[in-house]
Amino acid sequence: MPQLDSIFLILNLLILPFWGLLLFAPRWQWTQRLSGLVAPLILSFLFVILFVLDFPSSGASFGSFGELKTQFNSGHILLATWIHFLAFDLFVGAWILRNGQQSGVPHFRLVPFLLLTMILGPVGFLGYCLIRFFTTKSLDL
């Protein structure tokens, strides 16, 4: 699966500039368009392609944990799953930035949670929700 290994490496490198926009150009007019929409859409399209390429031939489904494990034996499905993480973590990171700006959370407080979202998606999202609550005293997202 050298081809899939190359795609994995390339995607991991190509996603970094979009995270860079969230971190270093938070108020640039194109940051939300590129990091919050264009890149996640492209990744979502790649996800669908990889998933559709292999899912029908694998014969597995998502009806049980065992069937799920079977799916992850496929390189295409495993890579598609990684692309799923890349797309959704970036989308959530863009949302954190947008929501933080709208809520008046200073950017320096968002940076650690953007980084956590990039690496450990739900941990960054949870952390942001907590810091936002303590900053704004509101549960409204």
C-alpha atoms as a PDB file:
ATOM      1  CA  MET A   1       0.000   0.000   0.000  1.00  0.00           C
ATOM      2  CA  PRO A   2       2.766   2.490  -0.750  1.00  0.00           C
ATOM      3  CA  GLN A   3       0.287   4.571  -2.733  1.00  0.00           C
ATOM      4  CA  LEU A   4      -1.985   4.951   0.314  1.00  0.00           C
ATOM      5  CA  ASP A   5       1.046   5.715   2.497  1.00  0.00           C
ATOM      6  CA  SER A   6       1.979   8.541   0.127  1.00  0.00           C
ATOM      7  CA  ILE A   7      -1.556   9.933   0.146  1.00  0.00           C
ATOM      8  CA  PHE A   8      -1.557   9.806   3.962  1.00  0.00           C
ATOM      9  CA  LEU A   9       1.730  11.736   4.157  1.00  0.00           C
ATOM     10  CA  ILE A  10       0.694  14.286   1.533  1.00  0.00           C
ATOM     11  CA  LEU A  11      -2.650  14.984   3.226  1.00  0.00           C
ATOM     12  CA  ASN A  12      -0.977  15.404   6.617  1.00  0.00           C
ATOM     13  CA  LEU A  13       1.331  18.020   5.106  1.00  0.00           C
ATOM     14  CA  LEU A  14      -1.319  19.754   3.000  1.00  0.00           C
ATOM     15  CA  ILE A  15      -3.653  20.265   5.953  1.00  0.00           C
ATOM     16  CA  LEU A  16      -1.066  22.259   7.921  1.00  0.00           C
ATOM     17  CA  PRO A  17      -1.409  25.580   6.030  1.00  0.00           C
ATOM     18  CA  PHE A  18      -5.135  25.602   6.768  1.00  0.00           C
ATOM     19  CA  TRP A  19      -4.428  25.186  10.472  1.00  0.00           C
ATOM     20  CA  GLY A  20      -1.791  27.887  10.082  1.00  0.00           C
ATOM     21  CA  LEU A  21      -4.454  30.270   8.815  1.00  0.00           C
ATOM     22  CA  LEU A  22      -6.590  29.595  11.886  1.00  0.00           C
ATOM     23  CA  LEU A  23      -3.625  30.161  14.188  1.00  0.00           C
ATOM     24  CA  PHE A  24      -1.744  33.011  12.493  1.00  0.00           C
ATOM     25  CA  ALA A  25      -4.258  34.784  10.229  1.00  0.00           C
ATOM     26  CA  PRO A  26      -7.466  34.532  12.254  1.00  0.00           C
ATOM     27  CA  ARG A  27      -9.010  37.728  10.912  1.00  0.00           C
ATOM     28  CA  TRP A  28      -7.972  37.413   7.258  1.00  0.00           C
ATOM     29  CA  GLN A  29     -11.087  37.406   5.067  1.00  0.00           C
ATOM     30  CA  TRP A  30     -10.141  34.096   3.409  1.00  0.00           C
ATOM     31  CA  THR A  31      -9.320  32.122   6.555  1.00  0.00           C
ATOM     32  CA  GLN A  32     -12.878  30.950   7.220  1.00  0.00           C
ATOM     33  CA  ARG A  33     -13.553  30.293   3.547  1.00  0.00           C
ATOM     34  CA  LEU A  34     -10.442  28.186   3.059  1.00  0.00           C
ATOM     35  CA  SER A  35     -10.084  26.471   6.439  1.00  0.00           C
ATOM     36  CA  GLY A  36     -13.747  26.306   7.378  1.00  0.00           C
ATOM     37  CA  LEU A  37     -15.262  25.348   4.038  1.00  0.00           C
ATOM     38  CA  VAL A  38     -13.004  24.675   1.037  1.00  0.00           C
ATOM     39  CA  ALA A  39     -10.490  22.324   2.686  1.00  0.00           C
ATOM     40  CA  PRO A  40     -13.138  20.312   4.611  1.00  0.00           C
ATOM     41  CA  LEU A  41     -15.200  20.000   1.406  1.00  0.00           C
ATOM     42  CA  ILE A  42     -12.218  18.700  -0.573  1.00  0.00           C
ATOM     43  CA  LEU A  43     -11.370  16.253   2.216  1.00  0.00           C
ATOM     44  CA  SER A  44     -14.995  15.136   2.369  1.00  0.00           C
ATOM     45  CA  PHE A  45     -14.936  14.465  -1.363  1.00  0.00           C
ATOM     46  CA  LEU A  46     -11.754  12.382  -0.964  1.00  0.00           C
ATOM     47  CA  PHE A  47     -13.382  10.518   1.905  1.00  0.00           C
ATOM     48  CA  VAL A  48     -16.343   9.568  -0.263  1.00  0.00           C
ATOM     49  CA  ILE A  49     -14.102   8.412  -3.105  1.00  0.00           C
ATOM     50  CA  LEU A  50     -11.950   6.194  -0.876  1.00  0.00           C
ATOM     51  CA  PHE A  51     -14.913   4.841   1.033  1.00  0.00           C
ATOM     52  CA  VAL A  52     -16.884   4.005  -2.088  1.00  0.00           C
ATOM     53  CA  LEU A  53     -13.832   2.388  -3.724  1.00  0.00           C
ATOM     54  CA  ASP A  54     -13.504  -0.259  -1.056  1.00  0.00           C
ATOM     55  CA  PHE A  55     -16.663  -0.588   1.006  1.00  0.00           C
ATOM     56  CA  PRO A  56     -18.759  -2.568  -1.482  1.00  0.00           C
ATOM     57  CA  SER A  57     -16.003  -5.120  -2.083  1.00  0.00           C
ATOM     58  CA  SER A  58     -15.186  -5.693   1.580  1.00  0.00           C
ATOM     59  CA  GLY A  59     -18.572  -7.221   2.417  1.00  0.00           C
ATOM     60  CA  ALA A  60     -18.420  -5.790   5.926  1.00  0.00           C
ATOM     61  CA  SER A  61     -20.872  -3.445   7.557  1.00  0.00           C
ATOM     62  CA  PHE A  62     -21.153  -1.343  10.695  1.00  0.00           C
ATOM     63  CA  GLY A  63     -23.663  -3.544  12.535  1.00  0.00           C
ATOM     64  CA  SER A  64     -21.290  -4.678  15.273  1.00  0.00           C
ATOM     65  CA  PHE A  65     -17.892  -3.892  16.700  1.00  0.00           C
ATOM     66  CA  GLY A  66     -16.481  -6.975  14.972  1.00  0.00           C
ATOM     67  CA  GLU A  67     -17.787  -5.790  11.601  1.00  0.00           C
ATOM     68  CA  LEU A  68     -16.292  -2.366  12.263  1.00  0.00           C
ATOM     69  CA  LYS A  69     -12.901  -3.968  12.986  1.00  0.00           C
ATOM     70  CA  THR A  70     -13.169  -5.838   9.695  1.00  0.00           C
ATOM     71  CA  GLN A  71     -13.642  -2.540   7.872  1.00  0.00           C
ATOM     72  CA  PHE A  72     -10.399  -1.194   9.306  1.00  0.00           C
ATOM     73  CA  ASN A  73      -8.456  -4.059   7.741  1.00  0.00           C
ATOM     74  CA  SER A  74      -8.917  -2.227   4.432  1.00  0.00           C
ATOM     75  CA  GLY A  75      -6.288   0.384   3.668  1.00  0.00           C
ATOM     76  CA  HIS A  76      -8.811   2.477   1.747  1.00  0.00           C
ATOM     77  CA  ILE A  77     -11.283   2.513   4.638  1.00  0.00           C
ATOM     78  CA  LEU A  78      -8.540   3.255   7.175  1.00  0.00           C
ATOM     79  CA  LEU A  79      -7.270   6.163   5.072  1.00  0.00           C
ATOM     80  CA  ALA A  80     -10.845   7.370   4.529  1.00  0.00           C
ATOM     81  CA  THR A  81     -11.313   7.337   8.306  1.00  0.00           C
ATOM     82  CA  TRP A  82      -8.168   9.420   8.773  1.00  0.00           C
ATOM     83  CA  ILE A  83      -9.458  11.887   6.164  1.00  0.00           C
ATOM     84  CA  HIS A  84     -12.710  12.011   8.141  1.00  0.00           C
ATOM     85  CA  PHE A  85     -10.708  13.114  11.198  1.00  0.00           C
ATOM     86  CA  LEU A  86      -8.753  15.687   9.190  1.00  0.00           C
ATOM     87  CA  ALA A  87     -11.917  17.181   7.673  1.00  0.00           C
ATOM     88  CA  PHE A  88     -13.980  17.311  10.831  1.00  0.00           C
ATOM     89  CA  ASP A  89     -11.180  18.489  13.119  1.00  0.00           C
ATOM     90  CA  LEU A  90     -10.408  21.347  10.713  1.00  0.00           C
ATOM     91  CA  PHE A  91     -14.099  22.209  10.432  1.00  0.00           C
ATOM     92  CA  VAL A  92     -14.424  22.253  14.232  1.00  0.00           C
ATOM     93  CA  GLY A  93     -11.240  24.329  14.515  1.00  0.00           C
ATOM     94  CA  ALA A  94     -12.688  26.908  12.105  1.00  0.00           C
ATOM     95  CA  TRP A  95     -15.909  26.898  14.104  1.00  0.00           C
ATOM     96  CA  ILE A  96     -13.972  27.435  17.349  1.00  0.00           C
ATOM     97  CA  LEU A  97     -12.202  30.413  15.800  1.00  0.00           C
ATOM     98  CA  ARG A  98     -15.435  31.915  14.435  1.00  0.00           C
ATOM     99  CA  ASN A  99     -17.394  31.297  17.633  1.00  0.00           C
ATOM    100  CA  GLY A 100     -14.573  32.616  19.788  1.00  0.00           C
ATOM    101  CA  GLN A 101     -14.346  35.803  17.724  1.00  0.00           C
ATOM    102  CA  GLN A 102     -18.123  36.305  17.879  1.00  0.00           C
ATOM    103  CA  SER A 103     -18.085  35.708  21.642  1.00  0.00           C
ATOM    104  CA  GLY A 104     -15.177  38.039  22.330  1.00  0.00           C
ATOM    105  CA  VAL A 105     -12.760  35.325  23.460  1.00  0.00           C
ATOM    106  CA  PRO A 106      -9.230  36.688  22.922  1.00  0.00           C
ATOM    107  CA  HIS A 107      -7.291  34.843  20.217  1.00  0.00           C
ATOM    108  CA  PHE A 108      -4.427  33.929  22.550  1.00  0.00           C
ATOM    109  CA  ARG A 109      -6.944  31.916  24.591  1.00  0.00           C
ATOM    110  CA  LEU A 110      -8.151  30.092  21.471  1.00  0.00           C
ATOM    111  CA  VAL A 111      -4.703  29.001  20.279  1.00  0.00           C
ATOM    112  CA  PRO A 112      -4.202  26.113  22.753  1.00  0.00           C
ATOM    113  CA  PHE A 113      -7.644  24.741  21.925  1.00  0.00           C
ATOM    114  CA  LEU A 114      -7.070  25.049  18.194  1.00  0.00           C
ATOM    115  CA  LEU A 115      -3.855  23.050  18.618  1.00  0.00           C
ATOM    116  CA  LEU A 116      -5.609  20.479  20.778  1.00  0.00           C
ATOM    117  CA  THR A 117      -8.399  20.202  18.220  1.00  0.00           C
ATOM    118  CA  MET A 118      -5.840  19.651  15.467  1.00  0.00           C
ATOM    119  CA  ILE A 119      -4.230  16.795  17.417  1.00  0.00           C
ATOM    120  CA  LEU A 120      -7.021  15.426  19.639  1.00  0.00           C
ATOM    121  CA  GLY A 121     -10.254  16.823  18.150  1.00  0.00           C
ATOM    122  CA  PRO A 122     -12.777  16.249  20.961  1.00  0.00           C
ATOM    123  CA  VAL A 123     -10.303  17.326  23.665  1.00  0.00           C
ATOM    124  CA  GLY A 124      -9.824  20.701  21.956  1.00  0.00           C
ATOM    125  CA  PHE A 125     -13.561  21.132  21.437  1.00  0.00           C
ATOM    126  CA  LEU A 126     -14.309  20.303  25.078  1.00  0.00           C
ATOM    127  CA  GLY A 127     -11.565  22.624  26.282  1.00  0.00           C
ATOM    128  CA  TYR A 128     -12.825  25.451  24.102  1.00  0.00           C
ATOM    129  CA  CYS A 129     -16.378  25.011  25.376  1.00  0.00           C
ATOM    130  CA  LEU A 130     -15.095  25.215  28.945  1.00  0.00           C
ATOM    131  CA  ILE A 131     -12.948  28.307  28.362  1.00  0.00           C
ATOM    132  CA  ARG A 132     -15.764  29.958  26.461  1.00  0.00           C
ATOM    133  CA  PHE A 133     -18.152  29.296  29.336  1.00  0.00           C
ATOM    134  CA  PHE A 134     -15.724  30.759  31.867  1.00  0.00           C
ATOM    135  CA  THR A 135     -15.023  33.748  29.607  1.00  0.00           C
ATOM    136  CA  THR A 136     -18.605  34.569  28.641  1.00  0.00           C
ATOM    137  CA  LYS A 137     -20.559  32.919  31.508  1.00  0.00           C
ATOM    138  CA  SER A 138     -22.905  31.524  28.879  1.00  0.00           C
ATOM    139  CA  LEU A 139     -23.742  28.035  27.646  1.00  0.00           C
ATOM    140  CA  ASP A 140     -25.097  29.354  24.337  1.00  0.00           C
ATOM    141  CA  LEU A 141     -22.882  28.242  21.477  1.00  0.00           C
END
